[in-house]
Amino acid sequence: MDTFSWMLLLVASGVLVGGLVYTYQVGKRQKVQGEYDTPVGEKVAAHPYVRNPVFIAYIVFVALLLGYIAYVAFQT
């Protein structure tokens, strides 16, 4: 890969890590208001970060990105 591709990869990785940290912090700061919320299932309450769709989207994105990088790397 040329220099531009490496720099683009570093910028994209920085944005991804920054977004992940920010999302984690916002999720941790949320206050639950019992008056307006519906009951939460036991499995979701036991694993609030694993069942968060934003984190699942990050994991899927990273998996696809690594797969694409491996695909491009092995094409040469």
Protein backbone atom coordinates (compact mmCIF):
# COMPACT_ATOMS: atom_id res chain seq x y z
CA MET A 1 0.00 0.00 0.00
CA ASP A 2 1.20 3.50 -0.71
CA THR A 3 1.66 6.29 1.81
CA PHE A 4 -1.76 7.85 1.16
CA SER A 5 -3.51 4.58 1.95
CA TRP A 6 -1.62 4.18 5.20
CA MET A 7 -2.43 7.73 6.26
CA LEU A 8 -6.09 7.23 5.36
CA LEU A 9 -6.11 4.00 7.37
CA LEU A 10 -4.62 5.78 10.39
CA VAL A 11 -7.17 8.61 10.20
CA ALA A 12 -10.06 6.16 9.86
CA SER A 13 -8.75 4.10 12.77
CA GLY A 14 -8.45 7.24 14.89
CA VAL A 15 -12.02 8.22 14.12
CA LEU A 16 -13.19 4.70 14.93
CA VAL A 17 -11.36 4.57 18.27
CA GLY A 18 -12.49 8.09 19.19
CA GLY A 19 -16.10 7.27 18.38
CA LEU A 20 -15.92 4.04 20.35
CA VAL A 21 -14.51 5.78 23.43
CA TYR A 22 -17.08 8.58 23.18
CA THR A 23 -19.96 6.13 22.76
CA TYR A 24 -18.75 4.12 25.77
CA GLN A 25 -18.54 7.24 27.92
CA VAL A 26 -22.00 8.48 26.89
CA GLY A 27 -23.48 5.05 27.56
CA LYS A 28 -21.92 4.98 30.99
CA ARG A 29 -23.26 8.45 31.90
CA GLN A 30 -26.88 7.68 31.04
CA LYS A 31 -29.27 7.82 33.96
CA VAL A 32 -32.19 5.41 34.02
CA GLN A 33 -35.52 7.04 34.80
CA GLY A 34 -37.71 4.28 36.15
CA GLU A 35 -40.95 6.20 35.70
CA TYR A 36 -40.80 6.27 31.91
CA ASP A 37 -38.77 3.14 31.15
CA THR A 38 -40.14 -0.30 30.53
CA PRO A 39 -38.69 -3.27 32.42
CA VAL A 40 -35.37 -4.50 31.07
CA GLY A 41 -34.77 -8.21 30.56
CA GLU A 42 -32.37 -10.03 32.84
CA LYS A 43 -29.93 -10.86 30.03
CA VAL A 44 -29.79 -7.26 28.85
CA ALA A 45 -29.37 -5.95 32.40
CA ALA A 46 -26.51 -8.40 32.98
CA HIS A 47 -24.68 -7.34 29.79
CA PRO A 48 -25.66 -3.74 28.92
CA TYR A 49 -22.63 -3.07 26.68
CA VAL A 50 -22.69 -6.36 24.78
CA ARG A 51 -26.35 -5.89 23.77
CA ASN A 52 -25.84 -2.26 22.69
CA PRO A 53 -26.44 -1.99 18.91
CA VAL A 54 -23.84 0.77 18.56
CA PHE A 55 -21.11 -1.51 19.90
CA ILE A 56 -22.33 -4.35 17.70
CA ALA A 57 -22.10 -2.01 14.69
CA TYR A 58 -18.51 -1.12 15.64
CA ILE A 59 -17.58 -4.80 15.94
CA VAL A 60 -19.14 -5.63 12.57
CA PHE A 61 -17.39 -2.65 10.95
CA VAL A 62 -13.99 -3.66 12.32
CA ALA A 63 -14.51 -7.26 11.19
CA LEU A 64 -15.44 -6.13 7.68
CA LEU A 65 -12.53 -3.68 7.58
CA LEU A 66 -10.03 -6.33 8.62
CA GLY A 67 -11.48 -8.73 6.07
CA TYR A 68 -11.14 -6.14 3.33
CA ILE A 69 -7.57 -5.30 4.37
CA ALA A 70 -6.66 -9.00 4.31
CA TYR A 71 -8.33 -9.40 0.90
CA VAL A 72 -6.38 -6.49 -0.58
CA ALA A 73 -3.13 -7.61 1.06
CA PHE A 74 -3.35 -11.11 -0.41
CA GLN A 75 -4.25 -9.88 -3.91
CA THR A 76 -0.63 -8.94 -4.62
